[in-house]
Amino acid sequence: MISETRVIFGFVCLIFVLLLSHPLSASAEQFNLLSVQERQRMALLSEPTAHWQKSKWWLDGYFSSAGRAKLQANKDRPINLLMAPPNCPTTWWWYYGSGNAQNKWEAKIRQSLKGYPQEVVEYCAKPLMPIKSGFLTQHPINSKYVQRGVATVIIRDLKSDKVAVLRAIQENDYTSNKTGGVIYNEFLTEVCEFKFLATSNALINCRHYGAFGAEFEITNLFKGEYKLFGKNEDYAFFITNLSLNATKSKYKGLISSKADKPKCAFNCK
């Protein structure tokens, strides 16, 4: 019925750990995926059975005024909500009755994850429904609302000026509790967590690298696009919630190394 992909003004963290702690060639053990039993448990209806408007997705999520009005107008219908399992993007699609909603939702998921490991794409393209026929399942989005979406990370070695560009998934609760979030690498493994401090600041804590401060800037308010930047003594990073291809197109100057240009692109000493 209605498709919604919510890109919230996320805040991401120092992610050079993605490259260093998880090499780009992954073995099956590196994928952080739910087991079949865990998926089956989350797909069960909650007890006692709760109406869909008690979901945190509805209570704390971000909706356009038109989208919220349309859902509210269908509050008594047995709607269904399609969404991927935890750690995947929270792209969702609600509908009632029959139709090809799942095919449309799956196509959006596959398109957003183009270039990610095939195991991750297949995993995220199988829905784990938070709402079935108007009632809540045990999907975690019903008890705590978070937004997740694709992100791109550009990392520059401050000594050599060599640049790496990585895919990631960012998660935050900015539209609800405003406490912070986490970063997953392209294998859906958590590598960093962060806390919101002020309007344009966050405190980041990455495994093996301690705590860091970061600043961000909204680059397109209407589209919900942002960029985040910071550095420590060894690395500088630049993060956006654009796809990798869109990032390469919009921020071409950040991809080149010192050998390709007379001076560095960002966060220079």
C-alpha atoms as a PDB file:
ATOM      1  CA  MET A   1       0.000   0.000   0.000  1.00  0.00           C
ATOM      2  CA  ILE A   2       2.460   2.595   1.157  1.00  0.00           C
ATOM      3  CA  SER A   3       6.246   2.479   0.936  1.00  0.00           C
ATOM      4  CA  GLU A   4       8.381   4.391   3.424  1.00  0.00           C
ATOM      5  CA  THR A   5      12.189   4.403   3.583  1.00  0.00           C
ATOM      6  CA  ARG A   6      13.143   6.684   6.440  1.00  0.00           C
ATOM      7  CA  VAL A   7      16.581   8.240   6.311  1.00  0.00           C
ATOM      8  CA  ILE A   8      16.925  10.032   9.653  1.00  0.00           C
ATOM      9  CA  PHE A   9      19.645  12.492  10.513  1.00  0.00           C
ATOM     10  CA  GLY A  10      21.825   9.710  11.840  1.00  0.00           C
ATOM     11  CA  PHE A  11      25.031  10.169  13.688  1.00  0.00           C
ATOM     12  CA  VAL A  12      27.829   7.777  12.900  1.00  0.00           C
ATOM     13  CA  CYS A  13      31.144   7.016  14.533  1.00  0.00           C
ATOM     14  CA  LEU A  14      34.833   6.520  13.925  1.00  0.00           C
ATOM     15  CA  ILE A  15      34.789   3.513  11.611  1.00  0.00           C
ATOM     16  CA  PHE A  16      38.310   2.903  10.492  1.00  0.00           C
ATOM     17  CA  VAL A  17      37.926  -0.116  12.791  1.00  0.00           C
ATOM     18  CA  LEU A  18      35.758  -1.585  10.018  1.00  0.00           C
ATOM     19  CA  LEU A  19      38.773  -1.904   7.776  1.00  0.00           C
ATOM     20  CA  LEU A  20      41.254  -2.935  10.426  1.00  0.00           C
ATOM     21  CA  SER A  21      39.236  -5.389  12.537  1.00  0.00           C
ATOM     22  CA  HIS A  22      37.243  -6.953   9.703  1.00  0.00           C
ATOM     23  CA  PRO A  23      39.077  -7.568   6.415  1.00  0.00           C
ATOM     24  CA  LEU A  24      37.063  -7.097   3.254  1.00  0.00           C
ATOM     25  CA  SER A  25      37.150 -10.815   2.451  1.00  0.00           C
ATOM     26  CA  ALA A  26      34.865 -12.449   5.002  1.00  0.00           C
ATOM     27  CA  SER A  27      34.383 -16.019   6.076  1.00  0.00           C
ATOM     28  CA  ALA A  28      30.918 -17.285   6.994  1.00  0.00           C
ATOM     29  CA  GLU A  29      31.718 -16.937  10.700  1.00  0.00           C
ATOM     30  CA  GLN A  30      32.023 -13.164  10.342  1.00  0.00           C
ATOM     31  CA  PHE A  31      28.376 -12.656   9.382  1.00  0.00           C
ATOM     32  CA  ASN A  32      26.219 -11.659  12.344  1.00  0.00           C
ATOM     33  CA  LEU A  33      22.898 -13.229  11.297  1.00  0.00           C
ATOM     34  CA  LEU A  34      19.983 -14.548  13.351  1.00  0.00           C
ATOM     35  CA  SER A  35      19.520 -18.294  13.476  1.00  0.00           C
ATOM     36  CA  VAL A  36      16.387 -19.914  12.061  1.00  0.00           C
ATOM     37  CA  GLN A  37      15.150 -20.487  15.619  1.00  0.00           C
ATOM     38  CA  GLU A  38      15.654 -16.832  16.563  1.00  0.00           C
ATOM     39  CA  ARG A  39      13.766 -15.664  13.468  1.00  0.00           C
ATOM     40  CA  GLN A  40      10.903 -18.043  14.243  1.00  0.00           C
ATOM     41  CA  ARG A  41      10.685 -16.725  17.811  1.00  0.00           C
ATOM     42  CA  MET A  42      10.592 -13.082  16.702  1.00  0.00           C
ATOM     43  CA  ALA A  43       7.871 -13.908  14.166  1.00  0.00           C
ATOM     44  CA  LEU A  44       5.497 -15.134  16.874  1.00  0.00           C
ATOM     45  CA  LEU A  45       2.619 -12.909  17.975  1.00  0.00           C
ATOM     46  CA  SER A  46       3.103 -11.191  21.318  1.00  0.00           C
ATOM     47  CA  GLU A  47       1.174 -12.445  24.311  1.00  0.00           C
ATOM     48  CA  PRO A  48      -1.258 -11.090  25.215  1.00  0.00           C
ATOM     49  CA  THR A  49      -2.044 -10.102  21.626  1.00  0.00           C
ATOM     50  CA  ALA A  50      -1.528  -6.349  21.203  1.00  0.00           C
ATOM     51  CA  HIS A  51      -3.036  -4.011  18.602  1.00  0.00           C
ATOM     52  CA  TRP A  52      -0.552  -2.632  16.040  1.00  0.00           C
ATOM     53  CA  GLN A  53      -0.869   0.964  17.291  1.00  0.00           C
ATOM     54  CA  LYS A  54       0.924  -0.063  20.482  1.00  0.00           C
ATOM     55  CA  SER A  55       4.099  -0.657  18.483  1.00  0.00           C
ATOM     56  CA  LYS A  56       7.039   1.660  19.123  1.00  0.00           C
ATOM     57  CA  TRP A  57       7.376   1.782  15.328  1.00  0.00           C
ATOM     58  CA  TRP A  58       4.093   3.711  15.322  1.00  0.00           C
ATOM     59  CA  LEU A  59       4.507   5.605  18.607  1.00  0.00           C
ATOM     60  CA  ASP A  60       8.129   6.760  18.178  1.00  0.00           C
ATOM     61  CA  GLY A  61       8.840   6.407  14.467  1.00  0.00           C
ATOM     62  CA  TYR A  62       9.173   9.201  11.926  1.00  0.00           C
ATOM     63  CA  PHE A  63       6.268   9.692   9.502  1.00  0.00           C
ATOM     64  CA  SER A  64       5.323  12.405   7.080  1.00  0.00           C
ATOM     65  CA  SER A  65       2.060  14.123   8.027  1.00  0.00           C
ATOM     66  CA  ALA A  66       0.341  12.483   5.049  1.00  0.00           C
ATOM     67  CA  GLY A  67       1.768   9.057   5.886  1.00  0.00           C
ATOM     68  CA  ARG A  68       0.691   9.271   9.525  1.00  0.00           C
ATOM     69  CA  ALA A  69      -2.791  10.445   8.541  1.00  0.00           C
ATOM     70  CA  LYS A  70      -3.239   7.547   6.129  1.00  0.00           C
ATOM     71  CA  LEU A  71      -2.148   4.997   8.704  1.00  0.00           C
ATOM     72  CA  GLN A  72      -4.396   6.564  11.315  1.00  0.00           C
ATOM     73  CA  ALA A  73      -7.313   6.356   8.895  1.00  0.00           C
ATOM     74  CA  ASN A  74      -6.676   2.597   8.691  1.00  0.00           C
ATOM     75  CA  LYS A  75      -6.237   2.045  12.430  1.00  0.00           C
ATOM     76  CA  ASP A  76      -9.039  -0.523  12.554  1.00  0.00           C
ATOM     77  CA  ARG A  77      -7.815  -2.532   9.589  1.00  0.00           C
ATOM     78  CA  PRO A  78      -5.717  -5.698  10.025  1.00  0.00           C
ATOM     79  CA  ILE A  79      -2.600  -4.204   8.475  1.00  0.00           C
ATOM     80  CA  ASN A  80       0.657  -6.058   7.881  1.00  0.00           C
ATOM     81  CA  LEU A  81       4.117  -4.528   8.152  1.00  0.00           C
ATOM     82  CA  LEU A  82       7.105  -5.800   6.201  1.00  0.00           C
ATOM     83  CA  MET A  83      10.572  -5.178   7.640  1.00  0.00           C
ATOM     84  CA  ALA A  84      13.929  -6.943   7.666  1.00  0.00           C
ATOM     85  CA  PRO A  85      15.529  -8.661  10.707  1.00  0.00           C
ATOM     86  CA  PRO A  86      17.637  -6.701  13.257  1.00  0.00           C
ATOM     87  CA  ASN A  87      20.871  -5.065  11.990  1.00  0.00           C
ATOM     88  CA  CYS A  88      19.384  -4.717   8.481  1.00  0.00           C
ATOM     89  CA  PRO A  89      17.975  -1.437   7.102  1.00  0.00           C
ATOM     90  CA  THR A  90      14.574  -0.590   8.620  1.00  0.00           C
ATOM     91  CA  THR A  91      12.971   0.071   5.231  1.00  0.00           C
ATOM     92  CA  TRP A  92       9.303  -0.851   5.702  1.00  0.00           C
ATOM     93  CA  TRP A  93       6.108  -1.347   3.729  1.00  0.00           C
ATOM     94  CA  TRP A  94       2.620  -1.661   5.186  1.00  0.00           C
ATOM     95  CA  TYR A  95      -0.430  -3.120   3.501  1.00  0.00           C
ATOM     96  CA  TYR A  96      -3.646  -4.999   4.105  1.00  0.00           C
ATOM     97  CA  GLY A  97      -5.309  -7.641   1.992  1.00  0.00           C
ATOM     98  CA  SER A  98      -3.445  -9.415  -0.776  1.00  0.00           C
ATOM     99  CA  GLY A  99      -1.170  -8.122  -3.497  1.00  0.00           C
ATOM    100  CA  ASN A 100       2.515  -7.939  -4.391  1.00  0.00           C
ATOM    101  CA  ALA A 101       3.652  -5.778  -1.451  1.00  0.00           C
ATOM    102  CA  GLN A 102       6.391  -8.231  -0.472  1.00  0.00           C
ATOM    103  CA  ASN A 103       7.905  -8.214  -3.949  1.00  0.00           C
ATOM    104  CA  LYS A 104       7.997  -4.410  -3.960  1.00  0.00           C
ATOM    105  CA  TRP A 105       9.498  -4.260  -0.465  1.00  0.00           C
ATOM    106  CA  GLU A 106      12.103  -6.897  -1.330  1.00  0.00           C
ATOM    107  CA  ALA A 107      13.103  -4.978  -4.456  1.00  0.00           C
ATOM    108  CA  LYS A 108      13.727  -1.843  -2.373  1.00  0.00           C
ATOM    109  CA  ILE A 109      15.853  -3.779   0.125  1.00  0.00           C
ATOM    110  CA  ARG A 110      17.917  -5.401  -2.616  1.00  0.00           C
ATOM    111  CA  GLN A 111      18.435  -2.076  -4.350  1.00  0.00           C
ATOM    112  CA  SER A 112      19.582  -0.326  -1.158  1.00  0.00           C
ATOM    113  CA  LEU A 113      22.041  -3.150  -0.362  1.00  0.00           C
ATOM    114  CA  LYS A 114      23.520  -3.400  -3.844  1.00  0.00           C
ATOM    115  CA  GLY A 115      27.230  -4.162  -3.472  1.00  0.00           C
ATOM    116  CA  TYR A 116      26.951  -5.622   0.054  1.00  0.00           C
ATOM    117  CA  PRO A 117      27.903  -9.289   0.613  1.00  0.00           C
ATOM    118  CA  GLN A 118      25.371 -11.575  -1.056  1.00  0.00           C
ATOM    119  CA  GLU A 119      24.784 -13.433   2.215  1.00  0.00           C
ATOM    120  CA  VAL A 120      23.694 -10.145   3.812  1.00  0.00           C
ATOM    121  CA  VAL A 121      21.457  -9.197   0.883  1.00  0.00           C
ATOM    122  CA  GLU A 122      19.658 -12.552   0.960  1.00  0.00           C
ATOM    123  CA  TYR A 123      19.302 -12.426   4.741  1.00  0.00           C
ATOM    124  CA  CYS A 124      17.857  -8.909   4.798  1.00  0.00           C
ATOM    125  CA  ALA A 125      15.532  -9.557   1.830  1.00  0.00           C
ATOM    126  CA  LYS A 126      13.542 -12.127   3.837  1.00  0.00           C
ATOM    127  CA  PRO A 127      10.956 -10.210   5.901  1.00  0.00           C
ATOM    128  CA  LEU A 128      10.553 -10.600   9.637  1.00  0.00           C
ATOM    129  CA  MET A 129       7.171  -8.942  10.078  1.00  0.00           C
ATOM    130  CA  PRO A 130       6.643  -6.690  13.131  1.00  0.00           C
ATOM    131  CA  ILE A 131       2.870  -6.612  12.500  1.00  0.00           C
ATOM    132  CA  LYS A 132       0.690  -9.475  11.247  1.00  0.00           C
ATOM    133  CA  SER A 133      -3.018  -8.975  10.566  1.00  0.00           C
ATOM    134  CA  GLY A 134      -3.106  -5.976  12.894  1.00  0.00           C
ATOM    135  CA  PHE A 135      -1.250  -7.542  15.826  1.00  0.00           C
ATOM    136  CA  LEU A 136       2.306  -7.277  17.107  1.00  0.00           C
ATOM    137  CA  THR A 137       4.945  -9.959  16.763  1.00  0.00           C
ATOM    138  CA  GLN A 138       8.063 -10.193  18.908  1.00  0.00           C
ATOM    139  CA  HIS A 139      10.130  -8.218  16.404  1.00  0.00           C
ATOM    140  CA  PRO A 140      12.331  -5.858  18.537  1.00  0.00           C
ATOM    141  CA  ILE A 141      11.164  -2.746  16.624  1.00  0.00           C
ATOM    142  CA  ASN A 142       7.871  -3.058  18.513  1.00  0.00           C
ATOM    143  CA  SER A 143       9.516  -2.522  21.905  1.00  0.00           C
ATOM    144  CA  LYS A 144      12.265  -0.036  20.929  1.00  0.00           C
ATOM    145  CA  TYR A 145      12.235   2.130  17.828  1.00  0.00           C
ATOM    146  CA  VAL A 146      15.500   2.621  15.950  1.00  0.00           C
ATOM    147  CA  GLN A 147      16.238   3.649  12.380  1.00  0.00           C
ATOM    148  CA  ARG A 148      18.863   1.819  10.322  1.00  0.00           C
ATOM    149  CA  GLY A 149      20.143   2.577   6.868  1.00  0.00           C
ATOM    150  CA  VAL A 150      23.105   2.236   4.557  1.00  0.00           C
ATOM    151  CA  ALA A 151      26.134   4.449   5.127  1.00  0.00           C
ATOM    152  CA  THR A 152      29.462   5.048   3.403  1.00  0.00           C
ATOM    153  CA  VAL A 153      32.744   5.597   5.216  1.00  0.00           C
ATOM    154  CA  ILE A 154      35.836   7.246   3.755  1.00  0.00           C
ATOM    155  CA  ILE A 155      39.019   6.657   5.774  1.00  0.00           C
ATOM    156  CA  ARG A 156      42.304   8.430   5.186  1.00  0.00           C
ATOM    157  CA  ASP A 157      45.640   7.409   6.715  1.00  0.00           C
ATOM    158  CA  LEU A 158      47.120  10.703   7.893  1.00  0.00           C
ATOM    159  CA  LYS A 159      50.684   9.470   7.376  1.00  0.00           C
ATOM    160  CA  SER A 160      50.407   8.085   3.840  1.00  0.00           C
ATOM    161  CA  ASP A 161      47.181   9.870   2.778  1.00  0.00           C
ATOM    162  CA  LYS A 162      45.941   6.559   1.355  1.00  0.00           C
ATOM    163  CA  VAL A 163      42.146   6.372   1.204  1.00  0.00           C
ATOM    164  CA  ALA A 164      39.706   3.482   1.750  1.00  0.00           C
ATOM    165  CA  VAL A 165      35.967   3.631   1.001  1.00  0.00           C
ATOM    166  CA  LEU A 166      33.715   1.201   2.914  1.00  0.00           C
ATOM    167  CA  ARG A 167      30.065   0.218   3.121  1.00  0.00           C
ATOM    168  CA  ALA A 168      28.379   0.154   6.544  1.00  0.00           C
ATOM    169  CA  ILE A 169      24.985   0.215   8.292  1.00  0.00           C
ATOM    170  CA  GLN A 170      24.192   2.948  10.830  1.00  0.00           C
ATOM    171  CA  GLU A 171      21.519   2.723  13.551  1.00  0.00           C
ATOM    172  CA  ASN A 172      20.169   5.539  15.733  1.00  0.00           C
ATOM    173  CA  ASP A 173      17.164   6.543  17.848  1.00  0.00           C
ATOM    174  CA  TYR A 174      17.294  10.237  16.986  1.00  0.00           C
ATOM    175  CA  THR A 175      13.547  10.614  16.385  1.00  0.00           C
ATOM    176  CA  SER A 176      12.571   8.875  19.628  1.00  0.00           C
ATOM    177  CA  ASN A 177      14.818   8.787  22.706  1.00  0.00           C
ATOM    178  CA  LYS A 178      17.825  10.645  21.224  1.00  0.00           C
ATOM    179  CA  THR A 179      20.310   8.546  23.191  1.00  0.00           C
ATOM    180  CA  GLY A 180      22.614   7.338  20.397  1.00  0.00           C
ATOM    181  CA  GLY A 181      23.148   4.242  18.315  1.00  0.00           C
ATOM    182  CA  VAL A 182      25.583   1.764  16.827  1.00  0.00           C
ATOM    183  CA  ILE A 183      27.504   1.115  13.617  1.00  0.00           C
ATOM    184  CA  TYR A 184      27.623  -2.248  11.847  1.00  0.00           C
ATOM    185  CA  ASN A 185      30.104  -3.209   9.188  1.00  0.00           C
ATOM    186  CA  GLU A 186      28.934  -4.667   5.879  1.00  0.00           C
ATOM    187  CA  PHE A 187      28.726  -8.091   7.532  1.00  0.00           C
ATOM    188  CA  LEU A 188      26.192  -6.696  10.082  1.00  0.00           C
ATOM    189  CA  THR A 189      28.663  -7.004  12.961  1.00  0.00           C
ATOM    190  CA  GLU A 190      28.621  -4.163  15.501  1.00  0.00           C
ATOM    191  CA  VAL A 191      31.922  -2.271  15.588  1.00  0.00           C
ATOM    192  CA  CYS A 192      31.109   1.029  17.333  1.00  0.00           C
ATOM    193  CA  GLU A 193      28.549   2.665  19.593  1.00  0.00           C
ATOM    194  CA  PHE A 194      27.841   6.347  20.106  1.00  0.00           C
ATOM    195  CA  LYS A 195      25.934   8.794  22.301  1.00  0.00           C
ATOM    196  CA  PHE A 196      24.355  12.105  21.362  1.00  0.00           C
ATOM    197  CA  LEU A 197      25.877  15.046  23.244  1.00  0.00           C
ATOM    198  CA  ALA A 198      24.518  18.171  21.579  1.00  0.00           C
ATOM    199  CA  THR A 199      22.925  19.400  18.375  1.00  0.00           C
ATOM    200  CA  SER A 200      26.002  18.711  16.256  1.00  0.00           C
ATOM    201  CA  ASN A 201      28.180  16.482  18.438  1.00  0.00           C
ATOM    202  CA  ALA A 202      28.381  12.854  19.458  1.00  0.00           C
ATOM    203  CA  LEU A 203      30.680  10.754  21.658  1.00  0.00           C
ATOM    204  CA  ILE A 204      31.908   7.598  19.938  1.00  0.00           C
ATOM    205  CA  ASN A 205      33.400   4.447  21.422  1.00  0.00           C
ATOM    206  CA  CYS A 206      34.913   1.911  19.012  1.00  0.00           C
ATOM    207  CA  ARG A 207      36.354  -1.442  19.942  1.00  0.00           C
ATOM    208  CA  HIS A 208      40.091  -1.284  20.547  1.00  0.00           C
ATOM    209  CA  TYR A 209      40.215   2.497  19.908  1.00  0.00           C
ATOM    210  CA  GLY A 210      38.490   4.103  22.909  1.00  0.00           C
ATOM    211  CA  ALA A 211      36.306   7.235  22.890  1.00  0.00           C
ATOM    212  CA  PHE A 212      36.335  10.003  20.267  1.00  0.00           C
ATOM    213  CA  GLY A 213      34.401  13.161  19.565  1.00  0.00           C
ATOM    214  CA  ALA A 214      32.707  13.763  16.204  1.00  0.00           C
ATOM    215  CA  GLU A 215      30.902  16.589  14.422  1.00  0.00           C
ATOM    216  CA  PHE A 216      28.225  16.365  11.780  1.00  0.00           C
ATOM    217  CA  GLU A 217      26.468  18.624   9.329  1.00  0.00           C
ATOM    218  CA  ILE A 218      23.108  18.340   7.573  1.00  0.00           C
ATOM    219  CA  THR A 219      23.800  18.718   3.852  1.00  0.00           C
ATOM    220  CA  ASN A 220      20.233  18.367   2.535  1.00  0.00           C
ATOM    221  CA  LEU A 221      17.460  18.929   5.058  1.00  0.00           C
ATOM    222  CA  PHE A 222      14.667  17.927   2.682  1.00  0.00           C
ATOM    223  CA  LYS A 223      16.294  14.606   1.745  1.00  0.00           C
ATOM    224  CA  GLY A 224      17.720  13.931   5.205  1.00  0.00           C
ATOM    225  CA  GLU A 225      21.323  13.761   3.984  1.00  0.00           C
ATOM    226  CA  TYR A 226      24.234  14.415   6.350  1.00  0.00           C
ATOM    227  CA  LYS A 227      27.987  14.156   6.595  1.00  0.00           C
ATOM    228  CA  LEU A 228      30.082  13.429   9.658  1.00  0.00           C
ATOM    229  CA  PHE A 229      33.788  14.016  10.096  1.00  0.00           C
ATOM    230  CA  GLY A 230      36.527  13.685  12.689  1.00  0.00           C
ATOM    231  CA  LYS A 231      40.014  12.304  13.289  1.00  0.00           C
ATOM    232  CA  ASN A 232      42.504  11.012  15.802  1.00  0.00           C
ATOM    233  CA  GLU A 233      46.298  11.052  15.542  1.00  0.00           C
ATOM    234  CA  ASP A 234      46.466   8.395  12.833  1.00  0.00           C
ATOM    235  CA  TYR A 235      43.260   8.490  10.803  1.00  0.00           C
ATOM    236  CA  ALA A 236      40.676  10.922   9.496  1.00  0.00           C
ATOM    237  CA  PHE A 237      37.190   9.805   8.582  1.00  0.00           C
ATOM    238  CA  PHE A 238      34.237  11.103   6.611  1.00  0.00           C
ATOM    239  CA  ILE A 239      30.821   9.436   6.790  1.00  0.00           C
ATOM    240  CA  THR A 240      27.531  10.009   4.999  1.00  0.00           C
ATOM    241  CA  ASN A 241      24.224   8.175   4.751  1.00  0.00           C
ATOM    242  CA  LEU A 242      24.457   8.128   0.969  1.00  0.00           C
ATOM    243  CA  SER A 243      25.142   4.896  -0.899  1.00  0.00           C
ATOM    244  CA  LEU A 244      28.717   4.156  -1.927  1.00  0.00           C
ATOM    245  CA  ASN A 245      28.098   5.104  -5.578  1.00  0.00           C
ATOM    246  CA  ALA A 246      26.304   8.322  -4.627  1.00  0.00           C
ATOM    247  CA  THR A 247      29.128   9.189  -2.218  1.00  0.00           C
ATOM    248  CA  LYS A 248      31.771   8.650  -4.879  1.00  0.00           C
ATOM    249  CA  SER A 249      29.814  10.866  -7.256  1.00  0.00           C
ATOM    250  CA  LYS A 250      29.113  13.679  -4.782  1.00  0.00           C
ATOM    251  CA  TYR A 251      32.455  13.661  -2.944  1.00  0.00           C
ATOM    252  CA  LYS A 252      34.930  12.784  -5.698  1.00  0.00           C
ATOM    253  CA  GLY A 253      37.640  14.942  -4.181  1.00  0.00           C
ATOM    254  CA  LEU A 254      37.711  12.876  -0.999  1.00  0.00           C
ATOM    255  CA  ILE A 255      38.488   9.604  -2.745  1.00  0.00           C
ATOM    256  CA  SER A 256      41.850  10.509  -4.290  1.00  0.00           C
ATOM    257  CA  SER A 257      45.139   9.960  -2.475  1.00  0.00           C
ATOM    258  CA  LYS A 258      48.065  12.359  -2.169  1.00  0.00           C
ATOM    259  CA  ALA A 259      49.638  10.803  -5.240  1.00  0.00           C
ATOM    260  CA  ASP A 260      46.639  11.921  -7.292  1.00  0.00           C
ATOM    261  CA  LYS A 261      46.394  15.514  -6.076  1.00  0.00           C
ATOM    262  CA  PRO A 262      48.722  18.215  -4.700  1.00  0.00           C
ATOM    263  CA  LYS A 263      47.147  18.346  -1.228  1.00  0.00           C
ATOM    264  CA  CYS A 264      44.872  16.273   0.977  1.00  0.00           C
ATOM    265  CA  ALA A 265      41.106  16.538   0.748  1.00  0.00           C
ATOM    266  CA  PHE A 266      39.795  16.824   4.311  1.00  0.00           C
ATOM    267  CA  ASN A 267      40.810  16.816   7.983  1.00  0.00           C
ATOM    268  CA  CYS A 268      44.376  17.741   7.097  1.00  0.00           C
ATOM    269  CA  LYS A 269      46.961  18.379   9.768  1.00  0.00           C
END
